[in-house]
Every structure is written in C-alpha cells, then in structure tokens.
C-alpha cells in the first residue's frame, strides 16, 4: 500500500473558511489512526520585486500570533479561482500594485500534520500602481524593503512567517539562477 485509505470521516465543525473533521485513516504501514484535520481551500503568496530590488512586505497584525508579523501579500483561494488569479488579486488588494511578469516559485504545505492548506508562491516583477482594497478587519502597513534586507530578516528571525520565509528564499534562488544563465549566455 503506497497511500493512506480514508476509512471514516466525522464532521466536527464547519466555519466560514475551514472545516474540521476527525478522520479514521489506514496508513501505508497498515496502522489505523484517528486524525483531526483542518480542511482549507489553500492560498497564494507573492514576492513583489520592484526595479530597485525592493520587496513588498506587509507588517500585519495577527491575533493568533499575538502581535505583528512581517508577511508577503497573500490570501485564500476563492471558490473556482486558480492560484495565479488569487496571487494577482491579493497583490493588488494588499500591496496596491499589479505586475506584468509572473514566475511560479512552487508550492508549500503550511502545516501538513493538521492542515490540508497548500500555498502557491509567485515572483511578481515589472510593477505598476493599482488601487488598494484591504478587507475589513485587516490591519496592514505596506513596507518596501531591499531584498537583501528582507533576506537578512529571514536569517536573524525578524521574519517568522513560513510562507514569507520560503517565498523570499525561493525568489532569491530563482533570481540567482536567472543571473547565472544570463552570465553563461553567448555574447555576455
């Protein structure tokens, strides 16, 4: 057996965004366990990088984290919305910019022991201003920081949000690979 088999599912809670279930699962090693799983539609996060190599970070109040966090513009995937559409929408709503160039940076599992949430990461470049549309209840400050400073904040623990850490590191790797390819191109 290579995958788990769902034996039974009991709905425990249905909220506005999440559903909580108790799943009885037959694992690949033949153990049967009960797991509490939070089902989430997933999300998208954006590393928005301007021509100066400044990245958009949001200083956002998060009650569940007991304070302020540094985060990338990000949000939940709406029903029938593709992750790329979510990324584009959230960049405009939260950062007040749109982008002409979009590069996927892969996906990540936010907390795979309890959540089904998958976050799709994007690098957005060639930015132009757009109207902000913060949602009711969002407490956000938009801050543009040099990419190297943001990466330093990843290293020193200033940035603790998982999607932001992974997004910034993957953007750095993507940009370095692009620079390396350009340097290797004939005639450079």
N, C-alpha and C. Protein backbone atom coordinates (compact mmCIF):
# COMPACT_ATOMS: atom_id res chain seq x y z
N UNK A 1 0.86 -1.17 0.00
CA UNK A 1 0.00 0.00 0.00
C UNK A 1 0.91 1.24 0.00
N UNK A 2 0.68 2.14 -0.94
CA UNK A 2 1.53 3.33 -1.04
C UNK A 2 0.88 4.59 -0.49
N UNK A 3 -0.43 4.62 -0.37
CA UNK A 3 -1.14 5.78 0.15
C UNK A 3 -2.03 5.36 1.31
N UNK A 4 -2.48 6.37 2.03
CA UNK A 4 -3.42 6.11 3.11
C UNK A 4 -4.82 5.90 2.54
N UNK A 5 -5.65 5.20 3.29
CA UNK A 5 -7.03 4.98 2.91
C UNK A 5 -7.93 5.59 3.98
N UNK A 6 -8.84 6.45 3.54
CA UNK A 6 -9.80 7.05 4.46
C UNK A 6 -10.86 6.00 4.77
N UNK A 7 -10.96 5.63 6.04
CA UNK A 7 -11.92 4.63 6.48
C UNK A 7 -13.24 5.30 6.87
N UNK A 8 -13.14 6.43 7.58
CA UNK A 8 -14.34 7.14 8.03
C UNK A 8 -13.99 8.60 8.27
N UNK A 9 -14.99 9.46 8.13
CA UNK A 9 -14.81 10.90 8.38
C UNK A 9 -16.02 11.40 9.14
N UNK A 10 -15.77 12.11 10.25
CA UNK A 10 -16.82 12.73 11.05
C UNK A 10 -16.61 14.23 11.03
N UNK A 11 -17.63 14.97 10.61
CA UNK A 11 -17.55 16.43 10.62
C UNK A 11 -17.68 16.92 12.05
N UNK A 12 -16.74 17.75 12.49
CA UNK A 12 -16.76 18.30 13.84
C UNK A 12 -17.15 19.77 13.86
N UNK A 13 -16.76 20.50 12.80
CA UNK A 13 -17.01 21.94 12.76
C UNK A 13 -16.96 22.41 11.32
N UNK A 14 -17.89 23.28 10.95
CA UNK A 14 -17.89 23.91 9.63
C UNK A 14 -17.91 25.41 9.86
N UNK A 15 -16.83 26.10 9.50
CA UNK A 15 -16.74 27.54 9.67
C UNK A 15 -16.85 28.27 8.35
N UNK A 16 -16.58 29.55 8.42
CA UNK A 16 -16.63 30.40 7.22
C UNK A 16 -15.51 30.04 6.25
N UNK A 17 -14.33 29.65 6.78
CA UNK A 17 -13.16 29.36 5.95
C UNK A 17 -12.74 27.91 6.05
N UNK A 18 -12.82 27.34 7.22
CA UNK A 18 -12.28 25.99 7.43
C UNK A 18 -13.37 25.00 7.83
N UNK A 19 -13.02 23.73 7.66
CA UNK A 19 -13.84 22.63 8.16
C UNK A 19 -12.92 21.74 8.98
N UNK A 20 -13.37 21.29 10.13
CA UNK A 20 -12.61 20.39 10.98
C UNK A 20 -13.29 19.03 10.97
N UNK A 21 -12.50 18.00 10.68
CA UNK A 21 -13.03 16.64 10.67
C UNK A 21 -12.15 15.73 11.54
N UNK A 22 -12.75 14.62 11.98
CA UNK A 22 -12.00 13.54 12.59
C UNK A 22 -11.99 12.42 11.57
N UNK A 23 -10.80 12.12 11.06
CA UNK A 23 -10.66 11.10 10.03
C UNK A 23 -10.07 9.83 10.62
N UNK A 24 -10.68 8.71 10.32
CA UNK A 24 -10.09 7.42 10.62
C UNK A 24 -9.37 6.99 9.34
N UNK A 25 -8.06 6.74 9.47
CA UNK A 25 -7.21 6.53 8.30
C UNK A 25 -6.40 5.25 8.47
N UNK A 26 -6.35 4.46 7.41
CA UNK A 26 -5.46 3.31 7.34
C UNK A 26 -4.18 3.79 6.67
N UNK A 27 -3.08 3.84 7.42
CA UNK A 27 -1.81 4.38 6.93
C UNK A 27 -1.09 3.37 6.02
N UNK A 28 -0.11 3.82 5.26
CA UNK A 28 0.63 2.90 4.38
C UNK A 28 1.32 1.74 5.11
N UNK A 29 1.59 1.90 6.42
CA UNK A 29 2.21 0.80 7.18
C UNK A 29 1.18 -0.12 7.82
N UNK A 30 -0.11 0.07 7.48
CA UNK A 30 -1.24 -0.72 7.96
C UNK A 30 -1.74 -0.34 9.35
N UNK A 31 -1.18 0.70 9.96
CA UNK A 31 -1.73 1.21 11.22
C UNK A 31 -2.99 1.99 10.91
N UNK A 32 -4.00 1.84 11.77
CA UNK A 32 -5.22 2.63 11.64
C UNK A 32 -5.21 3.67 12.76
N UNK A 33 -5.39 4.95 12.38
CA UNK A 33 -5.31 6.05 13.36
C UNK A 33 -6.48 6.99 13.17
N UNK A 34 -6.75 7.76 14.23
CA UNK A 34 -7.72 8.84 14.14
C UNK A 34 -6.95 10.15 14.11
N UNK A 35 -7.27 10.99 13.15
CA UNK A 35 -6.60 12.27 12.97
C UNK A 35 -7.62 13.39 12.92
N UNK A 36 -7.32 14.50 13.56
CA UNK A 36 -8.14 15.70 13.42
C UNK A 36 -7.50 16.54 12.32
N UNK A 37 -8.28 16.83 11.29
CA UNK A 37 -7.77 17.52 10.10
C UNK A 37 -8.55 18.81 9.88
N UNK A 38 -7.83 19.89 9.65
CA UNK A 38 -8.44 21.16 9.29
C UNK A 38 -8.35 21.31 7.78
N UNK A 39 -9.50 21.37 7.12
CA UNK A 39 -9.56 21.49 5.66
C UNK A 39 -9.63 22.97 5.30
N UNK A 40 -8.76 23.39 4.40
CA UNK A 40 -8.64 24.80 4.00
C UNK A 40 -8.51 24.83 2.48
N UNK A 41 -9.11 25.83 1.80
CA UNK A 41 -9.07 25.86 0.34
C UNK A 41 -7.70 26.17 -0.25
N UNK A 42 -6.73 26.60 0.55
CA UNK A 42 -5.41 26.93 0.05
C UNK A 42 -5.27 28.41 -0.21
N UNK A 43 -4.08 28.81 -0.59
CA UNK A 43 -3.83 30.22 -0.80
C UNK A 43 -2.69 30.46 -1.77
N UNK A 44 -2.38 31.74 -1.92
CA UNK A 44 -1.27 32.17 -2.78
C UNK A 44 -0.57 33.32 -2.09
N UNK A 45 0.75 33.39 -2.26
CA UNK A 45 1.56 34.46 -1.70
C UNK A 45 2.50 34.98 -2.79
N UNK A 46 2.82 36.28 -2.71
CA UNK A 46 3.56 36.93 -3.79
C UNK A 46 4.79 37.65 -3.27
N UNK A 47 5.93 37.36 -3.88
CA UNK A 47 7.14 38.14 -3.69
C UNK A 47 7.11 39.20 -4.79
N UNK A 48 6.72 40.43 -4.43
CA UNK A 48 6.64 41.53 -5.40
C UNK A 48 7.95 42.29 -5.33
N UNK A 49 8.67 42.32 -6.45
CA UNK A 49 10.00 42.91 -6.50
C UNK A 49 10.02 44.04 -7.52
N UNK A 50 10.39 45.24 -7.06
CA UNK A 50 10.40 46.39 -7.98
C UNK A 50 11.75 46.53 -8.67
N UNK A 51 11.87 47.55 -9.50
CA UNK A 51 13.08 47.74 -10.31
C UNK A 51 14.31 48.07 -9.45
N UNK A 52 14.11 48.53 -8.23
CA UNK A 52 15.23 48.84 -7.33
C UNK A 52 15.68 47.61 -6.53
N UNK A 53 15.00 46.47 -6.74
CA UNK A 53 15.23 45.25 -5.98
C UNK A 53 14.72 45.39 -4.54
N UNK A 54 13.63 46.15 -4.38
CA UNK A 54 12.92 46.25 -3.10
C UNK A 54 11.73 45.29 -3.18
N UNK A 55 11.45 44.64 -2.06
CA UNK A 55 10.34 43.68 -1.99
C UNK A 55 9.25 44.27 -1.09
N UNK A 56 8.01 43.97 -1.45
CA UNK A 56 6.87 44.42 -0.66
C UNK A 56 6.65 43.45 0.50
N UNK A 57 6.75 44.00 1.72
CA UNK A 57 6.40 43.24 2.91
C UNK A 57 5.25 43.95 3.60
N UNK A 58 4.40 43.16 4.20
CA UNK A 58 3.29 43.71 4.97
C UNK A 58 3.60 43.49 6.44
N UNK A 59 3.50 44.56 7.20
CA UNK A 59 3.55 44.43 8.65
C UNK A 59 2.09 44.31 9.06
N UNK A 60 1.72 43.10 9.44
CA UNK A 60 0.31 42.79 9.62
C UNK A 60 0.05 42.29 11.04
N UNK A 61 -1.03 42.81 11.65
CA UNK A 61 -1.42 42.33 12.98
C UNK A 61 -2.15 41.00 12.83
N UNK A 62 -1.68 40.01 13.60
CA UNK A 62 -2.29 38.68 13.59
C UNK A 62 -2.63 38.28 15.02
N UNK A 63 -3.90 38.24 15.32
CA UNK A 63 -4.35 37.88 16.66
C UNK A 63 -3.82 36.51 17.08
N UNK A 64 -3.88 35.53 16.18
CA UNK A 64 -3.44 34.17 16.52
C UNK A 64 -1.96 34.11 16.86
N UNK A 65 -1.17 35.06 16.33
CA UNK A 65 0.27 35.11 16.62
C UNK A 65 0.58 36.09 17.75
N UNK A 66 -0.46 36.67 18.33
CA UNK A 66 -0.32 37.61 19.46
C UNK A 66 0.47 38.86 19.10
N UNK A 67 0.32 39.32 17.86
CA UNK A 67 1.01 40.57 17.53
C UNK A 67 1.25 40.75 16.05
N UNK A 68 2.28 41.52 15.76
CA UNK A 68 2.62 41.92 14.40
C UNK A 68 3.58 40.93 13.76
N UNK A 69 3.35 40.61 12.48
CA UNK A 69 4.24 39.75 11.69
C UNK A 69 4.61 40.46 10.40
N UNK A 70 5.78 40.12 9.88
CA UNK A 70 6.16 40.53 8.53
C UNK A 70 5.72 39.42 7.59
N UNK A 71 4.94 39.80 6.55
CA UNK A 71 4.40 38.81 5.63
C UNK A 71 4.45 39.32 4.19
N UNK A 72 4.42 38.38 3.26
CA UNK A 72 4.20 38.71 1.85
C UNK A 72 2.72 38.98 1.63
N UNK A 73 2.36 39.75 0.61
CA UNK A 73 0.95 39.83 0.23
C UNK A 73 0.45 38.42 -0.10
N UNK A 74 -0.67 38.05 0.48
CA UNK A 74 -1.15 36.67 0.34
C UNK A 74 -2.62 36.60 0.71
N UNK A 75 -3.25 35.52 0.29
CA UNK A 75 -4.64 35.32 0.67
C UNK A 75 -5.17 33.98 0.23
N UNK A 76 -6.39 33.74 0.64
CA UNK A 76 -7.09 32.48 0.40
C UNK A 76 -7.61 32.39 -1.03
N UNK A 77 -7.55 31.21 -1.58
CA UNK A 77 -8.12 30.95 -2.90
C UNK A 77 -9.64 30.93 -2.78
N UNK A 78 -10.30 31.76 -3.57
CA UNK A 78 -11.76 31.78 -3.60
C UNK A 78 -12.29 30.60 -4.41
N UNK A 79 -13.56 30.21 -4.21
CA UNK A 79 -14.13 29.11 -5.00
C UNK A 79 -13.99 29.38 -6.50
N UNK A 80 -13.61 28.36 -7.24
CA UNK A 80 -13.44 28.41 -8.69
C UNK A 80 -12.36 29.39 -9.14
N UNK A 81 -11.40 29.70 -8.28
CA UNK A 81 -10.32 30.62 -8.62
C UNK A 81 -9.02 29.82 -8.73
N UNK A 82 -8.25 30.09 -9.76
CA UNK A 82 -6.94 29.46 -9.91
C UNK A 82 -5.94 30.17 -8.99
N UNK A 83 -4.92 29.45 -8.50
CA UNK A 83 -3.93 30.08 -7.63
C UNK A 83 -3.28 31.33 -8.23
N UNK A 84 -3.04 31.35 -9.54
CA UNK A 84 -2.44 32.53 -10.17
C UNK A 84 -3.38 33.73 -10.07
N UNK A 85 -4.67 33.48 -10.21
CA UNK A 85 -5.65 34.57 -10.08
C UNK A 85 -5.68 35.11 -8.65
N UNK A 86 -5.56 34.20 -7.68
CA UNK A 86 -5.52 34.61 -6.28
C UNK A 86 -4.31 35.50 -6.04
N UNK A 87 -3.15 35.09 -6.54
CA UNK A 87 -1.93 35.87 -6.36
C UNK A 87 -2.08 37.27 -6.95
N UNK A 88 -2.63 37.36 -8.15
CA UNK A 88 -2.82 38.65 -8.80
C UNK A 88 -3.79 39.52 -8.01
N UNK A 89 -4.88 38.94 -7.56
CA UNK A 89 -5.89 39.68 -6.80
C UNK A 89 -5.32 40.18 -5.48
N UNK A 90 -4.64 39.31 -4.77
CA UNK A 90 -4.10 39.68 -3.46
C UNK A 90 -3.00 40.74 -3.56
N UNK A 91 -2.19 40.67 -4.60
CA UNK A 91 -1.14 41.68 -4.77
C UNK A 91 -1.76 43.06 -4.93
N UNK A 92 -2.81 43.14 -5.72
CA UNK A 92 -3.50 44.42 -5.91
C UNK A 92 -4.18 44.87 -4.63
N UNK A 93 -4.97 43.98 -4.03
CA UNK A 93 -5.73 44.34 -2.83
C UNK A 93 -4.85 44.76 -1.67
N UNK A 94 -3.78 44.01 -1.42
CA UNK A 94 -2.99 44.24 -0.22
C UNK A 94 -1.80 45.17 -0.42
N UNK A 95 -1.20 45.16 -1.60
CA UNK A 95 0.01 45.96 -1.83
C UNK A 95 -0.24 47.17 -2.72
N UNK A 96 -1.35 47.19 -3.44
CA UNK A 96 -1.64 48.31 -4.31
C UNK A 96 -0.80 48.37 -5.56
N UNK A 97 -0.41 47.19 -6.07
CA UNK A 97 0.34 47.12 -7.33
C UNK A 97 -0.15 45.93 -8.15
N UNK A 98 0.12 46.01 -9.45
CA UNK A 98 -0.07 44.88 -10.36
C UNK A 98 1.30 44.57 -10.96
N UNK A 99 1.41 43.42 -11.60
CA UNK A 99 2.68 43.01 -12.18
C UNK A 99 2.49 42.53 -13.61
N UNK A 100 3.50 42.81 -14.44
CA UNK A 100 3.48 42.35 -15.84
C UNK A 100 4.14 40.99 -15.98
N UNK A 101 5.06 40.66 -15.08
CA UNK A 101 5.80 39.39 -15.15
C UNK A 101 5.51 38.57 -13.90
N UNK A 102 5.11 37.32 -14.13
CA UNK A 102 4.80 36.39 -13.03
C UNK A 102 5.59 35.11 -13.24
N UNK A 103 6.33 34.70 -12.22
CA UNK A 103 7.05 33.43 -12.25
C UNK A 103 6.64 32.59 -11.05
N UNK A 104 6.23 31.34 -11.29
CA UNK A 104 5.86 30.47 -10.17
C UNK A 104 7.10 30.07 -9.38
N UNK A 105 6.95 30.05 -8.05
CA UNK A 105 8.02 29.63 -7.16
C UNK A 105 7.66 28.33 -6.43
N UNK A 106 6.69 27.61 -6.96
CA UNK A 106 6.31 26.33 -6.37
C UNK A 106 5.24 26.49 -5.30
N UNK A 107 5.05 25.46 -4.55
CA UNK A 107 4.03 25.44 -3.51
C UNK A 107 4.64 24.99 -2.20
N UNK A 108 3.89 25.16 -1.14
CA UNK A 108 4.33 24.70 0.17
C UNK A 108 3.13 24.24 0.98
N UNK A 109 3.36 23.31 1.88
CA UNK A 109 2.34 22.88 2.84
C UNK A 109 2.57 23.69 4.11
N UNK A 110 1.54 24.37 4.58
CA UNK A 110 1.73 25.25 5.73
C UNK A 110 1.94 24.49 7.03
N UNK A 111 1.22 23.41 7.26
CA UNK A 111 1.38 22.59 8.46
C UNK A 111 0.74 21.24 8.19
N UNK A 112 1.45 20.35 7.47
CA UNK A 112 0.82 19.14 6.92
C UNK A 112 0.37 18.11 7.95
N UNK A 113 0.72 18.28 9.20
CA UNK A 113 0.23 17.34 10.21
C UNK A 113 -1.23 17.56 10.56
N UNK A 114 -1.74 18.79 10.32
CA UNK A 114 -3.12 19.08 10.70
C UNK A 114 -3.91 19.83 9.64
N UNK A 115 -3.24 20.49 8.68
CA UNK A 115 -3.93 21.30 7.67
C UNK A 115 -3.82 20.68 6.29
N UNK A 116 -4.87 20.86 5.49
CA UNK A 116 -4.79 20.49 4.07
C UNK A 116 -4.31 21.67 3.22
N UNK A 117 -4.13 22.83 3.84
CA UNK A 117 -3.78 24.04 3.10
C UNK A 117 -2.47 23.89 2.33
N UNK A 118 -2.51 24.29 1.05
CA UNK A 118 -1.34 24.41 0.20
C UNK A 118 -1.26 25.87 -0.23
N UNK A 119 -0.08 26.46 -0.11
CA UNK A 119 0.12 27.85 -0.53
C UNK A 119 0.99 27.85 -1.78
N UNK A 120 0.52 28.52 -2.82
CA UNK A 120 1.24 28.66 -4.08
C UNK A 120 2.01 29.97 -4.04
N UNK A 121 3.31 29.90 -4.37
CA UNK A 121 4.20 31.05 -4.27
C UNK A 121 4.55 31.59 -5.65
N UNK A 122 4.64 32.92 -5.75
CA UNK A 122 4.88 33.59 -7.02
C UNK A 122 5.89 34.71 -6.85
N UNK A 123 6.67 34.97 -7.90
CA UNK A 123 7.52 36.15 -8.01
C UNK A 123 6.88 37.07 -9.03
N UNK A 124 6.59 38.30 -8.60
CA UNK A 124 5.96 39.29 -9.48
C UNK A 124 6.93 40.44 -9.72
N UNK A 125 7.09 40.81 -11.01
CA UNK A 125 8.00 41.89 -11.37
C UNK A 125 7.34 42.81 -12.40
N UNK A 126 8.04 43.90 -12.71
CA UNK A 126 7.50 44.96 -13.57
C UNK A 126 6.17 45.45 -12.99
N UNK A 127 6.27 46.09 -11.86
CA UNK A 127 5.11 46.51 -11.07
C UNK A 127 4.60 47.88 -11.49
N UNK A 128 3.28 48.04 -11.40
CA UNK A 128 2.65 49.34 -11.62
C UNK A 128 1.62 49.56 -10.51
N UNK A 129 1.41 50.83 -10.12
CA UNK A 129 0.45 51.12 -9.05
C UNK A 129 -0.97 50.70 -9.42
N UNK A 130 -1.72 50.33 -8.39
CA UNK A 130 -3.13 49.96 -8.54
C UNK A 130 -3.84 50.34 -7.24
N UNK A 131 -5.17 50.44 -7.27
CA UNK A 131 -5.89 50.81 -6.04
C UNK A 131 -5.85 49.71 -4.98
N UNK A 132 -5.57 50.11 -3.76
CA UNK A 132 -5.62 49.19 -2.62
C UNK A 132 -7.07 48.81 -2.32
N UNK A 133 -7.25 47.64 -1.72
CA UNK A 133 -8.59 47.22 -1.32
C UNK A 133 -8.48 46.30 -0.11
N UNK A 134 -7.92 46.82 0.99
CA UNK A 134 -7.80 46.00 2.20
C UNK A 134 -9.19 45.57 2.67
N UNK A 135 -9.28 44.33 3.14
CA UNK A 135 -10.54 43.81 3.65
C UNK A 135 -10.81 44.35 5.04
N UNK A 136 -12.07 44.42 5.40
CA UNK A 136 -12.46 44.80 6.75
C UNK A 136 -11.79 43.85 7.73
N UNK A 137 -11.18 44.40 8.76
CA UNK A 137 -10.54 43.59 9.77
C UNK A 137 -9.07 43.34 9.52
N UNK A 138 -8.55 43.76 8.36
CA UNK A 138 -7.11 43.64 8.11
C UNK A 138 -6.42 44.88 8.65
N UNK A 139 -5.38 44.66 9.44
CA UNK A 139 -4.57 45.76 9.95
C UNK A 139 -3.19 45.58 9.33
N UNK A 140 -2.92 46.38 8.29
CA UNK A 140 -1.74 46.18 7.44
C UNK A 140 -1.00 47.49 7.23
N UNK A 141 0.33 47.42 7.35
CA UNK A 141 1.20 48.51 6.92
C UNK A 141 2.04 47.97 5.77
N UNK A 142 2.09 48.69 4.66
CA UNK A 142 2.87 48.27 3.49
C UNK A 142 4.26 48.88 3.61
N UNK A 143 5.29 48.03 3.53
CA UNK A 143 6.67 48.49 3.65
C UNK A 143 7.49 47.88 2.51
N UNK A 144 8.21 48.72 1.79
CA UNK A 144 9.11 48.24 0.73
C UNK A 144 10.52 48.21 1.30
N UNK A 145 11.14 47.03 1.26
CA UNK A 145 12.43 46.78 1.88
C UNK A 145 13.38 46.22 0.83
N UNK A 146 14.66 46.61 0.84
CA UNK A 146 15.60 45.96 -0.08
C UNK A 146 15.55 44.44 0.11
N UNK A 147 15.57 43.72 -0.99
CA UNK A 147 15.50 42.26 -0.92
C UNK A 147 16.58 41.69 0.00
N UNK A 148 17.78 42.22 -0.08
CA UNK A 148 18.85 41.72 0.78
C UNK A 148 18.54 41.95 2.26
N UNK A 149 17.87 43.06 2.60
CA UNK A 149 17.47 43.31 3.98
C UNK A 149 16.41 42.30 4.42
N UNK A 150 15.44 42.04 3.54
CA UNK A 150 14.40 41.05 3.86
C UNK A 150 15.02 39.67 4.09
N UNK A 151 16.01 39.32 3.27
CA UNK A 151 16.68 38.02 3.45
C UNK A 151 17.45 38.00 4.77
N UNK A 152 18.06 39.12 5.15
CA UNK A 152 18.73 39.20 6.45
C UNK A 152 17.71 38.99 7.57
N UNK A 153 16.51 39.58 7.41
CA UNK A 153 15.46 39.39 8.41
C UNK A 153 15.02 37.93 8.49
N UNK A 154 15.11 37.20 7.37
CA UNK A 154 14.84 35.76 7.40
C UNK A 154 15.89 35.05 8.25
N UNK A 155 17.14 35.42 8.06
CA UNK A 155 18.25 34.77 8.78
C UNK A 155 18.23 35.09 10.26
N UNK A 156 17.91 36.35 10.63
CA UNK A 156 18.04 36.74 12.04
C UNK A 156 16.77 36.52 12.86
N UNK A 157 15.70 36.03 12.24
CA UNK A 157 14.49 35.72 12.99
C UNK A 157 13.48 36.84 13.05
N UNK A 158 13.75 37.96 12.39
CA UNK A 158 12.76 39.05 12.34
C UNK A 158 11.52 38.58 11.59
N UNK A 159 11.71 37.85 10.49
CA UNK A 159 10.60 37.26 9.74
C UNK A 159 10.43 35.83 10.22
N UNK A 160 9.23 35.51 10.71
CA UNK A 160 8.95 34.17 11.23
C UNK A 160 7.84 33.45 10.47
N UNK A 161 7.14 34.15 9.60
CA UNK A 161 6.03 33.57 8.84
C UNK A 161 6.57 32.60 7.79
N UNK A 162 6.08 31.37 7.79
CA UNK A 162 6.60 30.32 6.91
C UNK A 162 6.51 30.63 5.43
N UNK A 163 5.36 31.10 4.96
CA UNK A 163 5.22 31.36 3.53
C UNK A 163 6.14 32.48 3.08
N UNK A 164 6.37 33.44 3.98
CA UNK A 164 7.25 34.57 3.65
C UNK A 164 8.70 34.10 3.60
N UNK A 165 9.12 33.31 4.56
CA UNK A 165 10.48 32.76 4.55
C UNK A 165 10.73 31.97 3.27
N UNK A 166 9.85 31.03 2.97
CA UNK A 166 10.05 30.17 1.80
C UNK A 166 9.96 30.98 0.51
N UNK A 167 8.99 31.89 0.44
CA UNK A 167 8.86 32.72 -0.77
C UNK A 167 10.10 33.55 -1.03
N UNK A 168 10.64 34.19 0.00
CA UNK A 168 11.83 35.03 -0.18
C UNK A 168 13.04 34.19 -0.56
N UNK A 169 13.24 33.05 0.09
CA UNK A 169 14.37 32.18 -0.25
C UNK A 169 14.25 31.64 -1.67
N UNK A 170 13.05 31.24 -2.06
CA UNK A 170 12.88 30.72 -3.43
C UNK A 170 13.04 31.83 -4.46
N UNK A 171 12.58 33.03 -4.15
CA UNK A 171 12.77 34.15 -5.08
C UNK A 171 14.26 34.43 -5.26
N UNK A 172 15.00 34.42 -4.16
CA UNK A 172 16.44 34.64 -4.24
C UNK A 172 17.09 33.58 -5.14
N UNK A 173 16.72 32.32 -4.95
CA UNK A 173 17.28 31.24 -5.77
C UNK A 173 16.90 31.41 -7.24
N UNK A 174 15.64 31.78 -7.50
CA UNK A 174 15.18 31.98 -8.87
C UNK A 174 15.98 33.10 -9.54
N UNK A 175 16.13 34.20 -8.84
CA UNK A 175 16.86 35.34 -9.39
C UNK A 175 18.33 35.01 -9.62
N UNK A 176 18.93 34.25 -8.70
CA UNK A 176 20.33 33.85 -8.87
C UNK A 176 20.49 32.93 -10.07
N UNK A 177 19.57 31.97 -10.23
CA UNK A 177 19.62 31.07 -11.39
C UNK A 177 19.48 31.85 -12.68
N UNK A 178 18.57 32.83 -12.71
CA UNK A 178 18.39 33.65 -13.91
C UNK A 178 19.65 34.44 -14.21
N UNK A 179 20.29 35.00 -13.19
CA UNK A 179 21.53 35.76 -13.38
C UNK A 179 22.64 34.85 -13.88
N UNK A 180 22.72 33.63 -13.33
CA UNK A 180 23.74 32.68 -13.77
C UNK A 180 23.54 32.30 -15.22
N UNK A 181 22.31 32.05 -15.64
CA UNK A 181 22.02 31.70 -17.03
C UNK A 181 22.37 32.85 -17.97
N UNK A 182 22.06 34.06 -17.55
CA UNK A 182 22.37 35.24 -18.36
C UNK A 182 23.88 35.40 -18.52
N UNK A 183 24.62 35.15 -17.45
CA UNK A 183 26.08 35.28 -17.49
C UNK A 183 26.71 34.22 -18.39
N UNK A 184 26.07 33.05 -18.48
CA UNK A 184 26.58 31.96 -19.31
C UNK A 184 26.19 32.08 -20.78
N UNK A 185 25.25 32.96 -21.08
CA UNK A 185 24.76 33.09 -22.46
C UNK A 185 25.86 33.63 -23.36
N UNK A 186 25.92 33.15 -24.61
CA UNK A 186 26.94 33.64 -25.54
C UNK A 186 26.76 35.16 -25.76
N UNK A 187 27.91 35.81 -25.85
CA UNK A 187 27.89 37.24 -26.14
C UNK A 187 27.75 38.11 -24.90
N UNK A 188 27.76 37.51 -23.71
CA UNK A 188 27.64 38.33 -22.48
C UNK A 188 28.99 38.65 -21.92
